[in-house]
Amino acid sequence: MAKVYLEQLRSLIDEMKISEEITSSIETKHFFSGAALYANGVISISLSPVGIAFKLTQPVVTELLDNGEAIPLKYFPKGHVKKGYALFPQPDLSNLEKWRKYFIESIGQTEC
C-alpha cells in the first residue's frame, strides 16, 4: 500500500516542479502505510490513507485548524498530536496550485 502513496507523492512533486523553487535537499521514502517527503533530513510532508500532512509554522497550523480546513496530525488514533503539522483528510490533489503553496512552505521550514 505504501508504494501507491510513494508514487503519488513523487508524481505530485514532479507535476508541481517543486525542485525549481527550493534549495533544500529532498527525498521521498516509505512511511508507515504511506510516504513521506524529507527536506534536509526532516519530515516535511506525509501522504497516507488518512490524508496529506504538512509541517508548517504554528500560526499557519492554528489558522488551518481554527477555520476547519485541516485537523491535527496523529500517527495513531490514540497517539499524541504532532505539533507543527496540519493534516488535510481526503484531499483533492488534482488542485495542484492549492497544494503547491503548502509544499513550498513546508519544505521551506527546513531551510537555513
PDB file of N, CA and C in Angstrom:
ATOM      1  N   MET A   1       0.816  -1.193   0.000  1.00  0.00           N
ATOM      2  CA  MET A   1       0.000   0.000   0.000  1.00  0.00           C
ATOM      3  C   MET A   1       0.864   1.264   0.000  1.00  0.00           C
ATOM      4  N   ALA A   2       1.941   1.256   0.755  1.00  0.00           N
ATOM      5  CA  ALA A   2       2.801   2.441   0.843  1.00  0.00           C
ATOM      6  C   ALA A   2       3.372   2.823  -0.518  1.00  0.00           C
ATOM      7  N   LYS A   3       3.571   1.832  -1.381  1.00  0.00           N
ATOM      8  CA  LYS A   3       4.138   2.097  -2.703  1.00  0.00           C
ATOM      9  C   LYS A   3       3.238   3.046  -3.506  1.00  0.00           C
ATOM     10  N   VAL A   4       1.943   2.876  -3.400  1.00  0.00           N
ATOM     11  CA  VAL A   4       0.994   3.739  -4.114  1.00  0.00           C
ATOM     12  C   VAL A   4       1.162   5.188  -3.666  1.00  0.00           C
ATOM     13  N   TYR A   5       1.278   5.397  -2.363  1.00  0.00           N
ATOM     14  CA  TYR A   5       1.436   6.757  -1.832  1.00  0.00           C
ATOM     15  C   TYR A   5       2.793   7.344  -2.180  1.00  0.00           C
ATOM     16  N   LEU A   6       3.808   6.506  -2.186  1.00  0.00           N
ATOM     17  CA  LEU A   6       5.137   6.970  -2.565  1.00  0.00           C
ATOM     18  C   LEU A   6       5.136   7.440  -4.019  1.00  0.00           C
ATOM     19  N   GLU A   7       4.548   6.653  -4.895  1.00  0.00           N
ATOM     20  CA  GLU A   7       4.463   7.030  -6.305  1.00  0.00           C
ATOM     21  C   GLU A   7       3.625   8.298  -6.492  1.00  0.00           C
ATOM     22  N   GLN A   8       2.528   8.406  -5.743  1.00  0.00           N
ATOM     23  CA  GLN A   8       1.663   9.592  -5.857  1.00  0.00           C
ATOM     24  C   GLN A   8       2.394  10.838  -5.367  1.00  0.00           C
ATOM     25  N   LEU A   9       3.124  10.732  -4.267  1.00  0.00           N
ATOM     26  CA  LEU A   9       3.870  11.866  -3.737  1.00  0.00           C
ATOM     27  C   LEU A   9       4.948  12.301  -4.720  1.00  0.00           C
ATOM     28  N   ARG A  10       5.672  11.345  -5.268  1.00  0.00           N
ATOM     29  CA  ARG A  10       6.704  11.675  -6.261  1.00  0.00           C
ATOM     30  C   ARG A  10       6.094  12.324  -7.492  1.00  0.00           C
ATOM     31  N   SER A  11       4.946  11.843  -7.916  1.00  0.00           N
ATOM     32  CA  SER A  11       4.265  12.408  -9.077  1.00  0.00           C
ATOM     33  C   SER A  11       3.842  13.856  -8.812  1.00  0.00           C
ATOM     34  N   LEU A  12       3.312  14.116  -7.622  1.00  0.00           N
ATOM     35  CA  LEU A  12       2.920  15.482  -7.267  1.00  0.00           C
ATOM     36  C   LEU A  12       4.122  16.417  -7.301  1.00  0.00           C
ATOM     37  N   ILE A  13       5.237  15.980  -6.744  1.00  0.00           N
ATOM     38  CA  ILE A  13       6.457  16.790  -6.726  1.00  0.00           C
ATOM     39  C   ILE A  13       6.897  17.120  -8.150  1.00  0.00           C
ATOM     40  N   ASP A  14       6.852  16.119  -9.010  1.00  0.00           N
ATOM     41  CA  ASP A  14       7.243  16.330 -10.411  1.00  0.00           C
ATOM     42  C   ASP A  14       6.278  17.269 -11.130  1.00  0.00           C
ATOM     43  N   GLU A  15       4.981  17.028 -10.962  1.00  0.00           N
ATOM     44  CA  GLU A  15       3.978  17.846 -11.642  1.00  0.00           C
ATOM     45  C   GLU A  15       4.030  19.311 -11.211  1.00  0.00           C
ATOM     46  N   MET A  16       4.316  19.544  -9.943  1.00  0.00           N
ATOM     47  CA  MET A  16       4.359  20.908  -9.429  1.00  0.00           C
ATOM     48  C   MET A  16       5.702  21.588  -9.680  1.00  0.00           C
ATOM     49  N   LYS A  17       6.670  20.825 -10.172  1.00  0.00           N
ATOM     50  CA  LYS A  17       8.013  21.360 -10.432  1.00  0.00           C
ATOM     51  C   LYS A  17       8.587  22.041  -9.180  1.00  0.00           C
ATOM     52  N   ILE A  18       8.424  21.378  -8.055  1.00  0.00           N
ATOM     53  CA  ILE A  18       8.864  21.902  -6.757  1.00  0.00           C
ATOM     54  C   ILE A  18      10.359  22.184  -6.741  1.00  0.00           C
ATOM     55  N   SER A  19      11.137  21.324  -7.349  1.00  0.00           N
ATOM     56  CA  SER A  19      12.602  21.460  -7.279  1.00  0.00           C
ATOM     57  C   SER A  19      13.105  22.767  -7.886  1.00  0.00           C
ATOM     58  N   GLU A  20      12.298  23.413  -8.724  1.00  0.00           N
ATOM     59  CA  GLU A  20      12.700  24.679  -9.334  1.00  0.00           C
ATOM     60  C   GLU A  20      12.663  25.844  -8.346  1.00  0.00           C
ATOM     61  N   GLU A  21      11.940  25.689  -7.222  1.00  0.00           N
ATOM     62  CA  GLU A  21      11.752  26.794  -6.289  1.00  0.00           C
ATOM     63  C   GLU A  21      12.374  26.585  -4.918  1.00  0.00           C
ATOM     64  N   ILE A  22      13.051  25.475  -4.713  1.00  0.00           N
ATOM     65  CA  ILE A  22      13.594  25.207  -3.379  1.00  0.00           C
ATOM     66  C   ILE A  22      15.103  25.023  -3.445  1.00  0.00           C
ATOM     67  N   THR A  23      15.722  25.212  -2.312  1.00  0.00           N
ATOM     68  CA  THR A  23      17.157  24.957  -2.224  1.00  0.00           C
ATOM     69  C   THR A  23      17.440  23.740  -1.344  1.00  0.00           C
ATOM     70  N   SER A  24      16.418  23.236  -0.687  1.00  0.00           N
ATOM     71  CA  SER A  24      16.568  22.082   0.192  1.00  0.00           C
ATOM     72  C   SER A  24      16.836  20.809  -0.597  1.00  0.00           C
ATOM     73  N   SER A  25      17.545  19.913   0.037  1.00  0.00           N
ATOM     74  CA  SER A  25      17.717  18.564  -0.486  1.00  0.00           C
ATOM     75  C   SER A  25      16.461  17.782  -0.104  1.00  0.00           C
ATOM     76  N   ILE A  26      15.770  17.201  -1.088  1.00  0.00           N
ATOM     77  CA  ILE A  26      14.556  16.450  -0.773  1.00  0.00           C
ATOM     78  C   ILE A  26      14.700  14.991  -1.163  1.00  0.00           C
ATOM     79  N   GLU A  27      13.974  14.159  -0.424  1.00  0.00           N
ATOM     80  CA  GLU A  27      13.991  12.720  -0.657  1.00  0.00           C
ATOM     81  C   GLU A  27      12.633  12.172  -0.235  1.00  0.00           C
ATOM     82  N   THR A  28      12.106  11.214  -0.966  1.00  0.00           N
ATOM     83  CA  THR A  28      10.854  10.570  -0.587  1.00  0.00           C
ATOM     84  C   THR A  28      11.144   9.142  -0.164  1.00  0.00           C
ATOM     85  N   LYS A  29      10.416   8.695   0.870  1.00  0.00           N
ATOM     86  CA  LYS A  29      10.597   7.345   1.418  1.00  0.00           C
ATOM     87  C   LYS A  29       9.254   6.791   1.881  1.00  0.00           C
ATOM     88  N   HIS A  30       9.217   5.448   2.013  1.00  0.00           N
ATOM     89  CA  HIS A  30       8.051   4.824   2.628  1.00  0.00           C
ATOM     90  C   HIS A  30       7.941   5.318   4.063  1.00  0.00           C
ATOM     91  N   PHE A  31       6.715   5.456   4.541  1.00  0.00           N
ATOM     92  CA  PHE A  31       6.475   5.981   5.878  1.00  0.00           C
ATOM     93  C   PHE A  31       5.218   5.313   6.423  1.00  0.00           C
ATOM     94  N   PHE A  32       5.343   4.429   7.395  1.00  0.00           N
ATOM     95  CA  PHE A  32       4.224   3.653   7.921  1.00  0.00           C
ATOM     96  C   PHE A  32       3.450   3.065   6.737  1.00  0.00           C
ATOM     97  N   SER A  33       2.169   3.412   6.602  1.00  0.00           N
ATOM     98  CA  SER A  33       1.382   2.880   5.486  1.00  0.00           C
ATOM     99  C   SER A  33       1.311   3.871   4.332  1.00  0.00           C
ATOM    100  N   GLY A  34       2.183   4.861   4.347  1.00  0.00           N
ATOM    101  CA  GLY A  34       2.183   5.871   3.303  1.00  0.00           C
ATOM    102  C   GLY A  34       3.582   6.241   2.888  1.00  0.00           C
ATOM    103  N   ALA A  35       3.758   7.519   2.578  1.00  0.00           N
ATOM    104  CA  ALA A  35       5.060   8.016   2.118  1.00  0.00           C
ATOM    105  C   ALA A  35       5.330   9.367   2.770  1.00  0.00           C
ATOM    106  N   ALA A  36       6.609   9.702   2.851  1.00  0.00           N
ATOM    107  CA  ALA A  36       6.998  10.984   3.432  1.00  0.00           C
ATOM    108  C   ALA A  36       8.021  11.659   2.548  1.00  0.00           C
ATOM    109  N   LEU A  37       7.962  12.978   2.527  1.00  0.00           N
ATOM    110  CA  LEU A  37       8.974  13.783   1.864  1.00  0.00           C
ATOM    111  C   LEU A  37       9.857  14.355   2.967  1.00  0.00           C
ATOM    112  N   TYR A  38      11.136  14.094   2.847  1.00  0.00           N
ATOM    113  CA  TYR A  38      12.125  14.627   3.777  1.00  0.00           C
ATOM    114  C   TYR A  38      12.825  15.790   3.086  1.00  0.00           C
ATOM    115  N   ALA A  39      12.903  16.911   3.766  1.00  0.00           N
ATOM    116  CA  ALA A  39      13.640  18.071   3.269  1.00  0.00           C
ATOM    117  C   ALA A  39      14.786  18.308   4.241  1.00  0.00           C
ATOM    118  N   ASN A  40      15.999  18.248   3.733  1.00  0.00           N
ATOM    119  CA  ASN A  40      17.188  18.381   4.583  1.00  0.00           C
ATOM    120  C   ASN A  40      17.143  17.413   5.763  1.00  0.00           C
ATOM    121  N   GLY A  41      16.650  16.203   5.501  1.00  0.00           N
ATOM    122  CA  GLY A  41      16.619  15.152   6.507  1.00  0.00           C
ATOM    123  C   GLY A  41      15.470  15.206   7.493  1.00  0.00           C
ATOM    124  N   VAL A  42      14.561  16.163   7.343  1.00  0.00           N
ATOM    125  CA  VAL A  42      13.429  16.331   8.260  1.00  0.00           C
ATOM    126  C   VAL A  42      12.134  16.026   7.516  1.00  0.00           C
ATOM    127  N   ILE A  43      11.233  15.265   8.151  1.00  0.00           N
ATOM    128  CA  ILE A  43       9.940  15.002   7.517  1.00  0.00           C
ATOM    129  C   ILE A  43       9.174  16.315   7.402  1.00  0.00           C
ATOM    130  N   SER A  44       8.822  16.654   6.179  1.00  0.00           N
ATOM    131  CA  SER A  44       8.080  17.879   5.915  1.00  0.00           C
ATOM    132  C   SER A  44       6.647  17.605   5.490  1.00  0.00           C
ATOM    133  N   ILE A  45       6.459  16.516   4.747  1.00  0.00           N
ATOM    134  CA  ILE A  45       5.147  16.211   4.177  1.00  0.00           C
ATOM    135  C   ILE A  45       4.942  14.710   4.264  1.00  0.00           C
ATOM    136  N   SER A  46       3.733  14.294   4.597  1.00  0.00           N
ATOM    137  CA  SER A  46       3.412  12.869   4.529  1.00  0.00           C
ATOM    138  C   SER A  46       2.096  12.694   3.786  1.00  0.00           C
ATOM    139  N   LEU A  47       2.015  11.615   3.048  1.00  0.00           N
ATOM    140  CA  LEU A  47       0.818  11.258   2.299  1.00  0.00           C
ATOM    141  C   LEU A  47       0.494   9.817   2.658  1.00  0.00           C
ATOM    142  N   SER A  48      -0.719   9.599   3.169  1.00  0.00           N
ATOM    143  CA  SER A  48      -1.090   8.267   3.655  1.00  0.00           C
ATOM    144  C   SER A  48      -2.601   8.094   3.539  1.00  0.00           C
ATOM    145  N   PRO A  49      -3.113   6.946   3.960  1.00  0.00           N
ATOM    146  CA  PRO A  49      -4.570   6.748   3.898  1.00  0.00           C
ATOM    147  C   PRO A  49      -5.371   7.785   4.684  1.00  0.00           C
ATOM    148  N   VAL A  50      -4.759   8.457   5.657  1.00  0.00           N
ATOM    149  CA  VAL A  50      -5.504   9.456   6.431  1.00  0.00           C
ATOM    150  C   VAL A  50      -5.486  10.833   5.782  1.00  0.00           C
ATOM    151  N   GLY A  51      -4.665  11.047   4.754  1.00  0.00           N
ATOM    152  CA  GLY A  51      -4.628  12.320   4.052  1.00  0.00           C
ATOM    153  C   GLY A  51      -3.208  12.801   3.814  1.00  0.00           C
ATOM    154  N   ILE A  52      -3.090  14.101   3.605  1.00  0.00           N
ATOM    155  CA  ILE A  52      -1.773  14.709   3.391  1.00  0.00           C
ATOM    156  C   ILE A  52      -1.510  15.691   4.535  1.00  0.00           C
ATOM    157  N   ALA A  53      -0.303  15.593   5.105  1.00  0.00           N
ATOM    158  CA  ALA A  53       0.064  16.442   6.237  1.00  0.00           C
ATOM    159  C   ALA A  53       1.293  17.257   5.878  1.00  0.00           C
ATOM    160  N   PHE A  54       1.300  18.502   6.352  1.00  0.00           N
ATOM    161  CA  PHE A  54       2.397  19.419   6.079  1.00  0.00           C
ATOM    162  C   PHE A  54       2.959  19.971   7.376  1.00  0.00           C
ATOM    163  N   LYS A  55       4.286  20.084   7.451  1.00  0.00           N
ATOM    164  CA  LYS A  55       4.950  20.785   8.550  1.00  0.00           C
ATOM    165  C   LYS A  55       4.898  22.266   8.182  1.00  0.00           C
ATOM    166  N   LEU A  56       4.251  23.068   9.037  1.00  0.00           N
ATOM    167  CA  LEU A  56       4.059  24.486   8.764  1.00  0.00           C
ATOM    168  C   LEU A  56       4.339  25.288  10.030  1.00  0.00           C
ATOM    169  N   THR A  57       4.413  26.580   9.888  1.00  0.00           N
ATOM    170  CA  THR A  57       4.602  27.413  11.076  1.00  0.00           C
ATOM    171  C   THR A  57       3.370  27.271  11.969  1.00  0.00           C
ATOM    172  N   GLN A  58       3.566  27.430  13.251  1.00  0.00           N
ATOM    173  CA  GLN A  58       2.449  27.261  14.179  1.00  0.00           C
ATOM    174  C   GLN A  58       1.299  28.226  13.896  1.00  0.00           C
ATOM    175  N   PRO A  59       1.552  29.500  13.544  1.00  0.00           N
ATOM    176  CA  PRO A  59       0.412  30.379  13.220  1.00  0.00           C
ATOM    177  C   PRO A  59      -0.422  29.858  12.029  1.00  0.00           C
ATOM    178  N   VAL A  60       0.239  29.307  11.025  1.00  0.00           N
ATOM    179  CA  VAL A  60      -0.484  28.766   9.869  1.00  0.00           C
ATOM    180  C   VAL A  60      -1.272  27.526  10.283  1.00  0.00           C
ATOM    181  N   VAL A  61      -0.646  26.647  11.064  1.00  0.00           N
ATOM    182  CA  VAL A  61      -1.338  25.448  11.544  1.00  0.00           C
ATOM    183  C   VAL A  61      -2.569  25.851  12.355  1.00  0.00           C
ATOM    184  N   THR A  62      -2.404  26.779  13.260  1.00  0.00           N
ATOM    185  CA  THR A  62      -3.519  27.226  14.102  1.00  0.00           C
ATOM    186  C   THR A  62      -4.657  27.774  13.249  1.00  0.00           C
ATOM    187  N   GLU A  63      -4.316  28.585  12.253  1.00  0.00           N
ATOM    188  CA  GLU A  63      -5.351  29.146  11.372  1.00  0.00           C
ATOM    189  C   GLU A  63      -6.091  28.038  10.614  1.00  0.00           C
ATOM    190  N   LEU A  64      -5.356  27.075  10.083  1.00  0.00           N
ATOM    191  CA  LEU A  64      -5.974  25.981   9.334  1.00  0.00           C
ATOM    192  C   LEU A  64      -6.877  25.129  10.227  1.00  0.00           C
ATOM    193  N   LEU A  65      -6.447  24.901  11.454  1.00  0.00           N
ATOM    194  CA  LEU A  65      -7.257  24.126  12.389  1.00  0.00           C
ATOM    195  C   LEU A  65      -8.484  24.921  12.819  1.00  0.00           C
ATOM    196  N   ASP A  66      -8.288  26.195  13.118  1.00  0.00           N
ATOM    197  CA  ASP A  66      -9.397  27.033  13.579  1.00  0.00           C
ATOM    198  C   ASP A  66     -10.478  27.211  12.529  1.00  0.00           C
ATOM    199  N   ASN A  67     -10.077  27.305  11.255  1.00  0.00           N
ATOM    200  CA  ASN A  67     -11.102  27.500  10.220  1.00  0.00           C
ATOM    201  C   ASN A  67     -11.617  26.186   9.634  1.00  0.00           C
ATOM    202  N   GLY A  68     -11.164  25.061  10.192  1.00  0.00           N
ATOM    203  CA  GLY A  68     -11.693  23.752   9.805  1.00  0.00           C
ATOM    204  C   GLY A  68     -11.143  23.187   8.513  1.00  0.00           C
ATOM    205  N   GLU A  69     -10.131  23.829   7.931  1.00  0.00           N
ATOM    206  CA  GLU A  69      -9.541  23.303   6.697  1.00  0.00           C
ATOM    207  C   GLU A  69      -8.710  22.057   6.945  1.00  0.00           C
ATOM    208  N   ALA A  70      -8.120  21.973   8.127  1.00  0.00           N
ATOM    209  CA  ALA A  70      -7.248  20.850   8.460  1.00  0.00           C
ATOM    210  C   ALA A  70      -7.573  20.373   9.868  1.00  0.00           C
ATOM    211  N   ILE A  71      -7.019  19.216  10.210  1.00  0.00           N
ATOM    212  CA  ILE A  71      -7.176  18.665  11.552  1.00  0.00           C
ATOM    213  C   ILE A  71      -5.783  18.370  12.098  1.00  0.00           C
ATOM    214  N   PRO A  72      -5.675  18.175  13.419  1.00  0.00           N
ATOM    215  CA  PRO A  72      -4.362  17.847  13.988  1.00  0.00           C
ATOM    216  C   PRO A  72      -3.857  16.503  13.460  1.00  0.00           C
ATOM    217  N   LEU A  73      -2.552  16.379  13.323  1.00  0.00           N
ATOM    218  CA  LEU A  73      -1.940  15.145  12.850  1.00  0.00           C
ATOM    219  C   LEU A  73      -1.619  14.240  14.025  1.00  0.00           C
ATOM    220  N   LYS A  74      -2.096  13.005  13.936  1.00  0.00           N
ATOM    221  CA  LYS A  74      -1.743  11.935  14.871  1.00  0.00           C
ATOM    222  C   LYS A  74      -1.348  10.744  14.015  1.00  0.00           C
ATOM    223  N   TYR A  75      -0.216  10.122  14.340  1.00  0.00           N
ATOM    224  CA  TYR A  75       0.193   8.959  13.570  1.00  0.00           C
ATOM    225  C   TYR A  75      -0.636   7.732  13.910  1.00  0.00           C
ATOM    226  N   PHE A  76      -1.178   7.704  15.112  1.00  0.00           N
ATOM    227  CA  PHE A  76      -2.011   6.590  15.560  1.00  0.00           C
ATOM    228  C   PHE A  76      -3.233   7.174  16.260  1.00  0.00           C
ATOM    229  N   PRO A  77      -4.390   6.506  16.184  1.00  0.00           N
ATOM    230  CA  PRO A  77      -5.618   7.060  16.760  1.00  0.00           C
ATOM    231  C   PRO A  77      -5.484   7.524  18.214  1.00  0.00           C
ATOM    232  N   LYS A  78      -4.761   6.783  19.027  1.00  0.00           N
ATOM    233  CA  LYS A  78      -4.615   7.160  20.427  1.00  0.00           C
ATOM    234  C   LYS A  78      -3.280   7.855  20.697  1.00  0.00           C
ATOM    235  N   GLY A  79      -2.586   8.232  19.637  1.00  0.00           N
ATOM    236  CA  GLY A  79      -1.284   8.871  19.770  1.00  0.00           C
ATOM    237  C   GLY A  79      -1.400  10.349  20.089  1.00  0.00           C
ATOM    238  N   HIS A  80      -0.262  10.939  20.344  1.00  0.00           N
ATOM    239  CA  HIS A  80      -0.196  12.371  20.632  1.00  0.00           C
ATOM    240  C   HIS A  80      -0.290  13.178  19.336  1.00  0.00           C
ATOM    241  N   VAL A  81      -0.790  14.387  19.451  1.00  0.00           N
ATOM    242  CA  VAL A  81      -0.845  15.296  18.314  1.00  0.00           C
ATOM    243  C   VAL A  81       0.585  15.710  17.974  1.00  0.00           C
ATOM    244  N   LYS A  82       0.917  15.642  16.695  1.00  0.00           N
ATOM    245  CA  LYS A  82       2.241  16.043  16.204  1.00  0.00           C
ATOM    246  C   LYS A  82       2.199  17.555  15.991  1.00  0.00           C
ATOM    247  N   LYS A  83       2.857  18.278  16.876  1.00  0.00           N
ATOM    248  CA  LYS A  83       2.828  19.747  16.815  1.00  0.00           C
ATOM    249  C   LYS A  83       3.538  20.261  15.565  1.00  0.00           C
ATOM    250  N   GLY A  84       3.003  21.345  15.015  1.00  0.00           N
ATOM    251  CA  GLY A  84       3.598  21.962  13.843  1.00  0.00           C
ATOM    252  C   GLY A  84       3.170  21.333  12.526  1.00  0.00           C
ATOM    253  N   TYR A  85       2.197  20.436  12.577  1.00  0.00           N
ATOM    254  CA  TYR A  85       1.711  19.780  11.365  1.00  0.00           C
ATOM    255  C   TYR A  85       0.209  19.963  11.234  1.00  0.00           C
ATOM    256  N   ALA A  86      -0.247  20.125   9.991  1.00  0.00           N
ATOM    257  CA  ALA A  86      -1.675  20.193   9.676  1.00  0.00           C
ATOM    258  C   ALA A  86      -1.994  19.047   8.725  1.00  0.00           C
ATOM    259  N   LEU A  87      -3.054  18.314   9.034  1.00  0.00           N
ATOM    260  CA  LEU A  87      -3.478  17.178   8.226  1.00  0.00           C
ATOM    261  C   LEU A  87      -4.740  17.542   7.466  1.00  0.00           C
ATOM    262  N   PHE A  88      -4.698  17.314   6.163  1.00  0.00           N
ATOM    263  CA  PHE A  88      -5.865  17.516   5.302  1.00  0.00           C
ATOM    264  C   PHE A  88      -6.403  16.132   4.944  1.00  0.00           C
ATOM    265  N   PRO A  89      -7.478  15.702   5.609  1.00  0.00           N
ATOM    266  CA  PRO A  89      -8.027  14.377   5.296  1.00  0.00           C
ATOM    267  C   PRO A  89      -8.763  14.404   3.957  1.00  0.00           C
ATOM    268  N   GLN A  90      -8.662  13.338   3.229  1.00  0.00           N
ATOM    269  CA  GLN A  90      -9.333  13.179   1.941  1.00  0.00           C
ATOM    270  C   GLN A  90      -9.140  14.378   1.017  1.00  0.00           C
ATOM    271  N   PRO A  91      -7.886  14.741   0.752  1.00  0.00           N
ATOM    272  CA  PRO A  91      -7.634  15.917  -0.088  1.00  0.00           C
ATOM    273  C   PRO A  91      -7.909  15.650  -1.568  1.00  0.00           C
ATOM    274  N   ASP A  92      -8.368  16.668  -2.263  1.00  0.00           N
ATOM    275  CA  ASP A  92      -8.486  16.605  -3.720  1.00  0.00           C
ATOM    276  C   ASP A  92      -7.141  17.086  -4.265  1.00  0.00           C
ATOM    277  N   LEU A  93      -6.275  16.161  -4.584  1.00  0.00           N
ATOM    278  CA  LEU A  93      -4.922  16.511  -5.010  1.00  0.00           C
ATOM    279  C   LEU A  93      -4.846  16.946  -6.469  1.00  0.00           C
ATOM    280  N   SER A  94      -5.989  17.031  -7.138  1.00  0.00           N
ATOM    281  CA  SER A  94      -5.975  17.489  -8.525  1.00  0.00           C
ATOM    282  C   SER A  94      -5.795  19.008  -8.606  1.00  0.00           C
ATOM    283  N   ASN A  95      -6.061  19.729  -7.526  1.00  0.00           N
ATOM    284  CA  ASN A  95      -5.902  21.179  -7.493  1.00  0.00           C
ATOM    285  C   ASN A  95      -4.452  21.485  -7.093  1.00  0.00           C
ATOM    286  N   LEU A  96      -3.553  21.381  -8.054  1.00  0.00           N
ATOM    287  CA  LEU A  96      -2.121  21.493  -7.769  1.00  0.00           C
ATOM    288  C   LEU A  96      -1.724  22.839  -7.182  1.00  0.00           C
ATOM    289  N   GLU A  97      -2.336  23.917  -7.633  1.00  0.00           N
ATOM    290  CA  GLU A  97      -1.954  25.243  -7.115  1.00  0.00           C
ATOM    291  C   GLU A  97      -2.263  25.373  -5.627  1.00  0.00           C
ATOM    292  N   LYS A  98      -3.386  24.819  -5.198  1.00  0.00           N
ATOM    293  CA  LYS A  98      -3.726  24.870  -3.777  1.00  0.00           C
ATOM    294  C   LYS A  98      -2.635  24.191  -2.945  1.00  0.00           C
ATOM    295  N   TRP A  99      -2.205  23.034  -3.378  1.00  0.00           N
ATOM    296  CA  TRP A  99      -1.251  22.245  -2.600  1.00  0.00           C
ATOM    297  C   TRP A  99       0.182  22.725  -2.788  1.00  0.00           C
ATOM    298  N   ARG A 100       0.480  23.295  -3.918  1.00  0.00           N
ATOM    299  CA  ARG A 100       1.846  23.746  -4.210  1.00  0.00           C
ATOM    300  C   ARG A 100       2.360  24.719  -3.151  1.00  0.00           C
ATOM    301  N   LYS A 101       1.520  25.653  -2.728  1.00  0.00           N
ATOM    302  CA  LYS A 101       1.947  26.633  -1.724  1.00  0.00           C
ATOM    303  C   LYS A 101       2.294  25.945  -0.410  1.00  0.00           C
ATOM    304  N   TYR A 102       1.547  24.900  -0.058  1.00  0.00           N
ATOM    305  CA  TYR A 102       1.855  24.172   1.174  1.00  0.00           C
ATOM    306  C   TYR A 102       3.141  23.359   1.025  1.00  0.00           C
ATOM    307  N   PHE A 103       3.356  22.784  -0.137  1.00  0.00           N
ATOM    308  CA  PHE A 103       4.608  22.057  -0.391  1.00  0.00           C
ATOM    309  C   PHE A 103       5.800  22.991  -0.216  1.00  0.00           C
ATOM    310  N   ILE A 104       5.747  24.150  -0.874  1.00  0.00           N
ATOM    311  CA  ILE A 104       6.862  25.106  -0.823  1.00  0.00           C
ATOM    312  C   ILE A 104       7.081  25.589   0.609  1.00  0.00           C
ATOM    313  N   GLU A 105       6.008  25.951   1.287  1.00  0.00           N
ATOM    314  CA  GLU A 105       6.132  26.455   2.660  1.00  0.00           C
ATOM    315  C   GLU A 105       6.648  25.373   3.607  1.00  0.00           C
ATOM    316  N   SER A 106       6.148  24.166   3.441  1.00  0.00           N
ATOM    317  CA  SER A 106       6.575  23.074   4.314  1.00  0.00           C
ATOM    318  C   SER A 106       8.049  22.741   4.119  1.00  0.00           C
ATOM    319  N   ILE A 107       8.463  22.643   2.891  1.00  0.00           N
ATOM    320  CA  ILE A 107       9.872  22.372   2.601  1.00  0.00           C
ATOM    321  C   ILE A 107      10.733  23.522   3.110  1.00  0.00           C
ATOM    322  N   GLY A 108      10.238  24.732   2.989  1.00  0.00           N
ATOM    323  CA  GLY A 108      10.965  25.904   3.455  1.00  0.00           C
ATOM    324  C   GLY A 108      11.215  25.925   4.950  1.00  0.00           C
ATOM    325  N   GLN A 109      10.424  25.184   5.715  1.00  0.00           N
ATOM    326  CA  GLN A 109      10.615  25.109   7.163  1.00  0.00           C
ATOM    327  C   GLN A 109      11.958  24.500   7.537  1.00  0.00           C
ATOM    328  N   THR A 110      12.567  23.776   6.608  1.00  0.00           N
ATOM    329  CA  THR A 110      13.854  23.109   6.905  1.00  0.00           C
ATOM    330  C   THR A 110      15.049  23.879   6.374  1.00  0.00           C
ATOM    331  N   GLU A 111      14.798  24.945   5.616  1.00  0.00           N
ATOM    332  CA  GLU A 111      15.915  25.706   5.037  1.00  0.00           C
ATOM    333  C   GLU A 111      16.540  26.618   6.083  1.00  0.00           C
ATOM    334  N   CYS A 112      17.838  26.734   6.030  1.00  0.00           N
ATOM    335  CA  CYS A 112      18.550  27.580   6.989  1.00  0.00           C
ATOM    336  C   CYS A 112      18.747  28.975   6.445  1.00  0.00           C
TER     337      CYS A 112
END
